N, C-alpha and C. Protein backbone atom coordinates (compact mmCIF):
# COMPACT_ATOMS: atom_id res chain seq x y z
N UNK A 1 -333.00 219.03 64.75
CA UNK A 1 -332.25 220.08 65.54
C UNK A 1 -332.04 219.57 66.94
N UNK A 2 -332.95 219.01 67.52
CA UNK A 2 -332.93 218.60 68.90
C UNK A 2 -331.92 217.43 69.02
N UNK A 3 -332.00 216.57 68.07
CA UNK A 3 -331.11 215.51 68.05
C UNK A 3 -329.63 215.87 67.91
N UNK A 4 -329.22 216.87 67.20
CA UNK A 4 -328.02 217.34 67.12
C UNK A 4 -327.43 217.99 68.55
N UNK A 5 -328.42 218.62 69.12
CA UNK A 5 -328.11 219.23 70.36
C UNK A 5 -327.73 218.17 71.44
N UNK A 6 -328.61 217.11 71.41
CA UNK A 6 -328.37 216.00 72.33
C UNK A 6 -327.13 215.28 72.09
N UNK A 7 -326.69 215.06 70.89
CA UNK A 7 -325.41 214.54 70.48
C UNK A 7 -324.34 215.33 70.96
N UNK A 8 -324.36 216.52 70.79
CA UNK A 8 -323.34 217.56 71.22
C UNK A 8 -323.24 217.44 72.80
N UNK A 9 -324.38 217.50 73.41
CA UNK A 9 -324.36 217.40 74.81
C UNK A 9 -323.72 216.06 75.26
N UNK A 10 -323.92 214.93 74.70
CA UNK A 10 -323.38 213.80 75.03
C UNK A 10 -321.82 213.84 74.88
N UNK A 11 -321.37 214.36 73.84
CA UNK A 11 -319.92 214.57 73.42
C UNK A 11 -319.28 215.32 74.52
N UNK A 12 -319.92 216.49 74.84
CA UNK A 12 -319.29 217.32 75.96
C UNK A 12 -319.26 216.48 77.38
N UNK A 13 -320.20 215.77 77.62
CA UNK A 13 -320.25 215.05 78.87
C UNK A 13 -319.04 213.98 78.77
N UNK A 14 -318.82 213.32 77.65
CA UNK A 14 -317.88 212.27 77.54
C UNK A 14 -316.46 213.02 77.67
N UNK A 15 -316.37 214.21 77.12
CA UNK A 15 -315.06 214.87 77.10
C UNK A 15 -314.80 215.45 78.56
N UNK A 16 -315.84 215.80 79.28
CA UNK A 16 -315.55 216.20 80.69
C UNK A 16 -315.14 215.03 81.44
N UNK A 17 -315.66 213.94 81.28
CA UNK A 17 -315.35 212.63 82.08
C UNK A 17 -313.80 212.33 81.72
N UNK A 18 -313.53 212.29 80.34
CA UNK A 18 -312.18 212.07 80.04
C UNK A 18 -311.16 213.03 80.51
N UNK A 19 -311.62 214.29 80.60
CA UNK A 19 -310.72 215.34 81.04
C UNK A 19 -310.44 215.01 82.66
N UNK A 20 -311.49 214.81 83.35
CA UNK A 20 -311.41 214.59 84.81
C UNK A 20 -310.45 213.31 85.05
N UNK A 21 -310.64 212.28 84.34
CA UNK A 21 -309.84 211.14 84.54
C UNK A 21 -308.23 211.52 84.15
N UNK A 22 -308.13 212.16 83.23
CA UNK A 22 -306.69 212.48 82.83
C UNK A 22 -306.17 213.50 83.85
N UNK A 23 -306.94 214.22 84.52
CA UNK A 23 -306.46 215.20 85.46
C UNK A 23 -305.94 214.40 86.62
N UNK A 24 -306.60 213.35 87.12
CA UNK A 24 -306.21 212.57 88.21
C UNK A 24 -305.01 211.80 87.76
N UNK A 25 -304.86 211.26 86.60
CA UNK A 25 -303.76 210.52 86.16
C UNK A 25 -302.46 211.41 86.17
N UNK A 26 -302.66 212.70 85.72
CA UNK A 26 -301.63 213.61 85.70
C UNK A 26 -301.05 213.97 87.12
N UNK A 27 -302.03 214.14 87.93
CA UNK A 27 -301.58 214.30 89.35
C UNK A 27 -300.69 213.22 89.90
N UNK A 28 -301.23 211.98 89.71
CA UNK A 28 -300.49 210.84 90.09
C UNK A 28 -299.12 210.68 89.40
N UNK A 29 -299.11 211.09 88.14
CA UNK A 29 -297.79 211.02 87.40
C UNK A 29 -296.82 212.08 87.95
N UNK A 30 -297.36 213.24 88.33
CA UNK A 30 -296.51 214.19 88.86
C UNK A 30 -295.91 213.79 90.22
N UNK A 31 -296.69 213.10 91.05
CA UNK A 31 -296.27 212.51 92.33
C UNK A 31 -295.15 211.55 92.16
N UNK A 32 -295.49 210.59 91.21
CA UNK A 32 -294.53 209.54 90.91
C UNK A 32 -293.21 210.04 90.42
N UNK A 33 -293.35 211.14 89.55
CA UNK A 33 -292.11 211.69 88.81
C UNK A 33 -291.38 212.34 89.99
N UNK A 34 -291.97 213.01 90.92
CA UNK A 34 -291.32 213.74 92.03
C UNK A 34 -290.53 212.58 93.01
N UNK A 35 -291.27 211.54 93.23
CA UNK A 35 -290.65 210.56 94.05
C UNK A 35 -289.38 209.93 93.25
N UNK A 36 -289.59 209.69 92.05
CA UNK A 36 -288.37 209.25 91.23
C UNK A 36 -287.34 210.28 91.25
N UNK A 37 -287.58 211.59 91.09
CA UNK A 37 -286.55 212.59 91.17
C UNK A 37 -285.79 212.50 92.40
N UNK A 38 -286.54 212.46 93.60
CA UNK A 38 -285.79 212.43 94.83
C UNK A 38 -284.94 211.27 95.00
N UNK A 39 -285.30 210.15 94.42
CA UNK A 39 -284.37 208.92 94.45
C UNK A 39 -283.11 209.16 93.49
N UNK A 40 -283.37 209.80 92.46
CA UNK A 40 -282.25 210.13 91.50
C UNK A 40 -281.35 211.09 92.23
N UNK A 41 -281.80 212.15 92.95
CA UNK A 41 -280.98 213.07 93.55
C UNK A 41 -280.09 212.31 94.63
N UNK A 42 -280.65 211.41 95.31
CA UNK A 42 -279.92 210.63 96.28
C UNK A 42 -278.78 209.90 95.61
N UNK A 43 -279.03 209.26 94.55
CA UNK A 43 -278.13 208.50 93.74
C UNK A 43 -277.15 209.27 93.13
N UNK A 44 -277.46 210.46 92.70
CA UNK A 44 -276.44 211.39 92.03
C UNK A 44 -275.58 211.83 93.20
N UNK A 45 -276.06 212.12 94.34
CA UNK A 45 -275.06 212.58 95.45
C UNK A 45 -274.18 211.43 95.78
N UNK A 46 -274.67 210.29 95.82
CA UNK A 46 -273.74 209.05 96.17
C UNK A 46 -272.68 208.91 95.07
N UNK A 47 -273.16 209.06 93.65
CA UNK A 47 -272.26 208.94 92.64
C UNK A 47 -271.13 209.97 92.68
N UNK A 48 -271.55 211.30 92.95
CA UNK A 48 -270.52 212.42 93.16
C UNK A 48 -269.67 212.07 94.24
N UNK A 49 -270.15 211.48 95.32
CA UNK A 49 -269.21 211.23 96.51
C UNK A 49 -268.27 210.15 96.03
N UNK A 50 -268.72 209.14 95.39
CA UNK A 50 -267.72 207.99 95.06
C UNK A 50 -266.72 208.59 94.03
N UNK A 51 -267.16 209.47 93.13
CA UNK A 51 -266.15 209.97 92.27
C UNK A 51 -265.20 210.79 92.84
N UNK A 52 -265.61 211.66 93.93
CA UNK A 52 -264.60 212.43 94.56
C UNK A 52 -263.58 211.61 95.29
N UNK A 53 -264.02 210.59 95.95
CA UNK A 53 -263.18 209.60 96.64
C UNK A 53 -262.23 209.03 95.66
N UNK A 54 -262.76 208.44 94.55
CA UNK A 54 -261.94 207.88 93.53
C UNK A 54 -260.90 208.79 93.08
N UNK A 55 -261.24 210.18 92.77
CA UNK A 55 -260.30 211.17 92.44
C UNK A 55 -259.37 211.65 93.39
N UNK A 56 -259.65 211.49 94.63
CA UNK A 56 -258.71 211.78 95.67
C UNK A 56 -257.83 210.64 95.95
N UNK A 57 -258.16 209.44 95.73
CA UNK A 57 -257.32 208.30 96.16
C UNK A 57 -256.48 207.82 95.03
N UNK A 58 -256.91 207.86 93.86
CA UNK A 58 -256.06 207.24 92.73
C UNK A 58 -256.41 207.71 91.39
N UNK A 59 -255.49 207.49 90.46
CA UNK A 59 -255.76 207.82 89.14
C UNK A 59 -256.47 206.78 88.35
N UNK A 60 -256.31 205.54 88.87
CA UNK A 60 -257.04 204.40 88.22
C UNK A 60 -258.03 203.75 89.21
N UNK A 61 -259.19 203.48 88.88
CA UNK A 61 -260.18 202.93 89.60
C UNK A 61 -259.95 201.36 89.58
N UNK A 62 -260.24 200.74 90.65
CA UNK A 62 -260.23 199.29 90.75
C UNK A 62 -261.53 198.70 90.00
N UNK A 63 -261.43 197.46 89.62
CA UNK A 63 -262.55 196.96 88.98
C UNK A 63 -263.85 196.99 89.63
N UNK A 64 -263.89 196.76 90.97
CA UNK A 64 -265.13 196.68 91.75
C UNK A 64 -265.50 198.18 91.94
N UNK A 65 -264.71 199.08 92.20
CA UNK A 65 -265.14 200.41 92.40
C UNK A 65 -265.74 200.95 91.02
N UNK A 66 -265.03 200.67 89.96
CA UNK A 66 -265.49 201.15 88.61
C UNK A 66 -266.94 200.48 88.46
N UNK A 67 -267.05 199.13 88.67
CA UNK A 67 -268.27 198.53 88.46
C UNK A 67 -269.48 199.16 89.15
N UNK A 68 -269.15 199.41 90.42
CA UNK A 68 -270.19 199.92 91.34
C UNK A 68 -270.55 201.42 90.96
N UNK A 69 -269.59 202.22 90.48
CA UNK A 69 -269.92 203.48 90.11
C UNK A 69 -270.69 203.44 88.79
N UNK A 70 -270.23 202.55 87.85
CA UNK A 70 -271.09 202.35 86.61
C UNK A 70 -272.51 201.92 86.84
N UNK A 71 -272.73 200.96 87.83
CA UNK A 71 -273.97 200.46 87.98
C UNK A 71 -274.96 201.67 88.59
N UNK A 72 -274.40 202.38 89.40
CA UNK A 72 -275.05 203.56 90.00
C UNK A 72 -275.40 204.57 88.94
N UNK A 73 -274.40 204.80 87.99
CA UNK A 73 -274.72 205.68 86.96
C UNK A 73 -275.81 205.16 85.97
N UNK A 74 -275.86 203.91 85.76
CA UNK A 74 -276.90 203.29 84.93
C UNK A 74 -278.30 203.41 85.67
N UNK A 75 -278.29 203.30 86.93
CA UNK A 75 -279.59 203.48 87.73
C UNK A 75 -280.14 204.97 87.59
N UNK A 76 -279.17 205.86 87.64
CA UNK A 76 -279.57 207.26 87.46
C UNK A 76 -280.13 207.47 86.06
N UNK A 77 -279.44 206.94 85.07
CA UNK A 77 -279.84 207.15 83.68
C UNK A 77 -281.13 206.49 83.50
N UNK A 78 -281.56 205.38 83.95
CA UNK A 78 -282.80 204.71 83.84
C UNK A 78 -283.84 205.55 84.49
N UNK A 79 -283.54 205.99 85.74
CA UNK A 79 -284.53 206.83 86.47
C UNK A 79 -284.84 208.15 85.68
N UNK A 80 -283.82 208.75 85.11
CA UNK A 80 -284.11 210.01 84.31
C UNK A 80 -285.07 209.57 83.17
N UNK A 81 -284.83 208.47 82.54
CA UNK A 81 -285.60 208.10 81.38
C UNK A 81 -287.03 207.87 81.90
N UNK A 82 -287.27 207.12 83.14
CA UNK A 82 -288.55 207.02 83.61
C UNK A 82 -289.37 208.32 83.82
N UNK A 83 -288.66 209.27 84.41
CA UNK A 83 -289.30 210.62 84.61
C UNK A 83 -289.61 211.23 83.34
N UNK A 84 -288.77 211.09 82.41
CA UNK A 84 -288.97 211.70 80.96
C UNK A 84 -290.45 211.09 80.39
N UNK A 85 -290.65 209.81 80.67
CA UNK A 85 -291.83 209.08 80.08
C UNK A 85 -293.15 209.53 80.97
N UNK A 86 -292.80 209.86 82.19
CA UNK A 86 -293.98 210.28 83.00
C UNK A 86 -294.49 211.78 82.69
N UNK A 87 -293.53 212.57 82.14
CA UNK A 87 -293.85 213.85 81.77
C UNK A 87 -294.20 213.89 80.37
């Protein structure tokens, strides 16, 4: 009986250590996700601004403008994917 109690005590101690380690990692992940989110918000604002200018100026985008807007949209998409993985 004493041996079973000791094993259970060891299991609980290991679980507490693992829980504490995961708590720290979760806090760091939240911070990293927040920083990523802030960057995405800036890029989305820039993308919206470019799309407004494009819409106001012409019906057709030039190749350079289209490429720049497409690249920015890809960065936003990748950032959202990174946040999804962090959460």
